[in-house]
Amino acid sequence: MSSAAEQALSWGSIAGRVRAAVEGVASTDPNPADPFRGLYVSDELALSLAHEAPPGELDARLASAAKSLELDPLERAVLAVCAAPDLDPRCGRLYAYLHDDVTRKLASPRLVGRLLEGDGSDVAEVLACFAHDRPLRRRGAITLLDGDGQIPLAERLVKVADRLAAHLLGTRLEAPPAGGKLRPVAMPDHGFGRADSLAELRALLASPSRLPILVAGPDAHQMLASALERPLLVADIGELQSAELMASAALIASLEGGRLAFDGLEELRPDARTGVVRALVACEERVLLCAPSADAAAALGDLTLLLVEPPPPSFAERREAWGALSGSDEVGDVAAKFRLSLRQIEDATEVARQASGARGAKKPSGADLDRGARQASSTRLAELASRLGPGFTWDDLVLPERQQELLRSISAYLRHRDLVLTEWGYERAVARTQGLKVLFAGESGTGKTLAAQVLAHDLGLELFRIDLATVVSKYIGETEKNLDHIFSAAEGSNAILFFDEADALFGKRSDVQDAHDRYANIEVAYLLQKMDSYAGAVILATNLRQNIDDAFLRRLDFVIDFPFPEVEDRERIWRLLLPEAAPLGGDIDLTFLAAQFKLSGGGIRNCSLAAAFQAADDGGRIGMAHLVRAVALEYGKLGRLTLESDFERFHELVTSRG
């Protein structure tokens, strides 16, 4: 461009041009003795201000901003003139003098044209720089103020964006843009894995096509930033129709060397989709989109876009990320059990480091890593299901050896499935899904819930209980809707799902005799489909295995029967459920209790607790009398008779409090 435009990048050049304009106006003032001169900038004051030295150290920041905004020399000169009042208060007073209006301290397009014309640039060229499709306005650097509607277009004041003015001042005085609707995403500072997906994405970004690119997956934002090798500035797709916000976003992205991207497709309301698609098509630059899954593309209807759907990080990639971010050597187990995205692993390792630091450890332990992984996993499931505490170990579980082996097999599967199925190739060889479907069958109190809690504790996973009896609805379609809500919330939770009262849905209904039976089978098929697609373990519990159709049992991976405890098992349960810290009397005969009273583990737990409260009320120790009375209470709850043949010498205790 012209030499005038190049020179205008210098604050000294701007001061010279303003000084020349002021001198020209002052020399032609027809009324230097104006009695109202105090209401505006006088000729003498203007000349004095114009001859003061301009501020230094601004040229470098202005040149940097102009480069970021990709301005040509004339546009750079226009920006310099418009920004002058923000950077030097004298310029505002001088502009007011040149406008002949003390209230107009900003530049106008016509004033900028007067200051920059000559040496190869005319006013028309300068005014063209203010067009809405030119970089200064398209990138949100400047705004034409509307005024009161009475001011001619070329005389309207020009406001430099606060973010740009703050950048030129070398500070951050401006308020957050649009109330925090723009979110920065930094480039990952560690290995990202999934090299094939990154290579594909980089190739698409380098292509000349203007088709939008959608990156789908839990690490979509970080994957896109890594492929661009630039940070992202992310806005909700619904804000695409806000010209003000988009201009602000474009400016911030340009100044900070980032790239604007959009998310929120999955939450876009149907009534807003048409407007968003139109705004998206009208964008001059290629639109970059991020979404948690490819299904979100449905919000854009028939709009053609380029989809990149990176796979979740592999076991090896997760293990590498855990090791690099935590500094711990015990990362193999947590990487295998928790299928987290790399963003979640970043959060999880931060939690683990804080936990280990709080107790003075230099590196997180395996328990710290498990804790971080649980907290980084999705927690929406807590709104629809009850969380069960995993505070039990294998030593608390009293079951025959066969059942114990099956439970340990489940634990081994969930711990090593990535290694065996993915890295050893069994997933392809046996067409095996990564989830696990299990049925626990047995009478109430035989340990089904306890076994699920033991598994959760052993694996360090969350356990959520869902009562299927409350999920099943008599209204057609409601059951499927309820199940969909549960499994959608469970996605990404890495939790074990424990469905109680499974026979409420899995009864013997395969013989279709009416419309209700037909829809019942549809509900069962839908649940099985959801269980197949869930990446974690799903445990169904039933008190009546005989009510479960054999066709459904064949679809399950494990079926474990929980038998009623025998005498030896009952005695062991009694010992486990009388804590060491409890004050026990010397007359307690656990062998007698186990042999005489056929109670389940749940029943024995109730008796132990009831006896403890009786003893506390008596102010003494837990004795045989308290335990026998507690058994009688449990028998009464179960509708069983307290026969003398069962209670023998203690029968009188249960018939009379004395």
Foldseek 3Di string as FASTA:
>chain_A
DFPLLQVLLDPQSLLVLLLVLLVVCLVPPPCLPPPCCVQAQHSVNLNVLSPDDDDPPLSVLLVLLCVLLVHDSNLSSLLSQQLVCLVPVSQQRSCCVSVVHRVRSGDFLQNSQSSRDDRPDHSVVSSVCPDCPHSCNQLLQKDFDCPPVPDDRRRTGIGGDPCSSCSSVVHPPDDPPPVPQKDKAFADPDDADLVVLLVVLLVVVPDPDQFAEEEAAPCRQNSNCNSVVFIEIEGALLCLPPSNRNSVRSSVCSSRVHYYAYEDLQVDDLVSLVVSLVSQVPDPHRYYYYYNHPVSCVSNPPRDHHYRYGDQDALVRQQVLLCVQFVDPPRNQVSQLARAHSVLSNQLSVQQCVVCVVVPHPGGDPLSSLVSRQVSFFDLLVVQWPWDALPDAPLLAQADPVLVVVLVVLLVLSRCVSVCCPVVPVCVVVVDFQEAEEEEEAAPQLQPVVSLSNSCVVSSAIETEDELLVLDDQDQPSNLVSLVVNLVSCVRNSHEYEYEAVLSLQFPLPPDDDPSSVSSVVSLVSNLVSRRPHNYYYYYYHHDPVRGDPVSVVSHDYYHYRYQDALVSQLSLLVSLQDPPAFEDPADDSSLVSHQDRDHSRLSNQLNVQQSVVQVVVVHGRYNLSSVLSSVVSCVVVVHDLDCVRVPPNSVSNVDVD
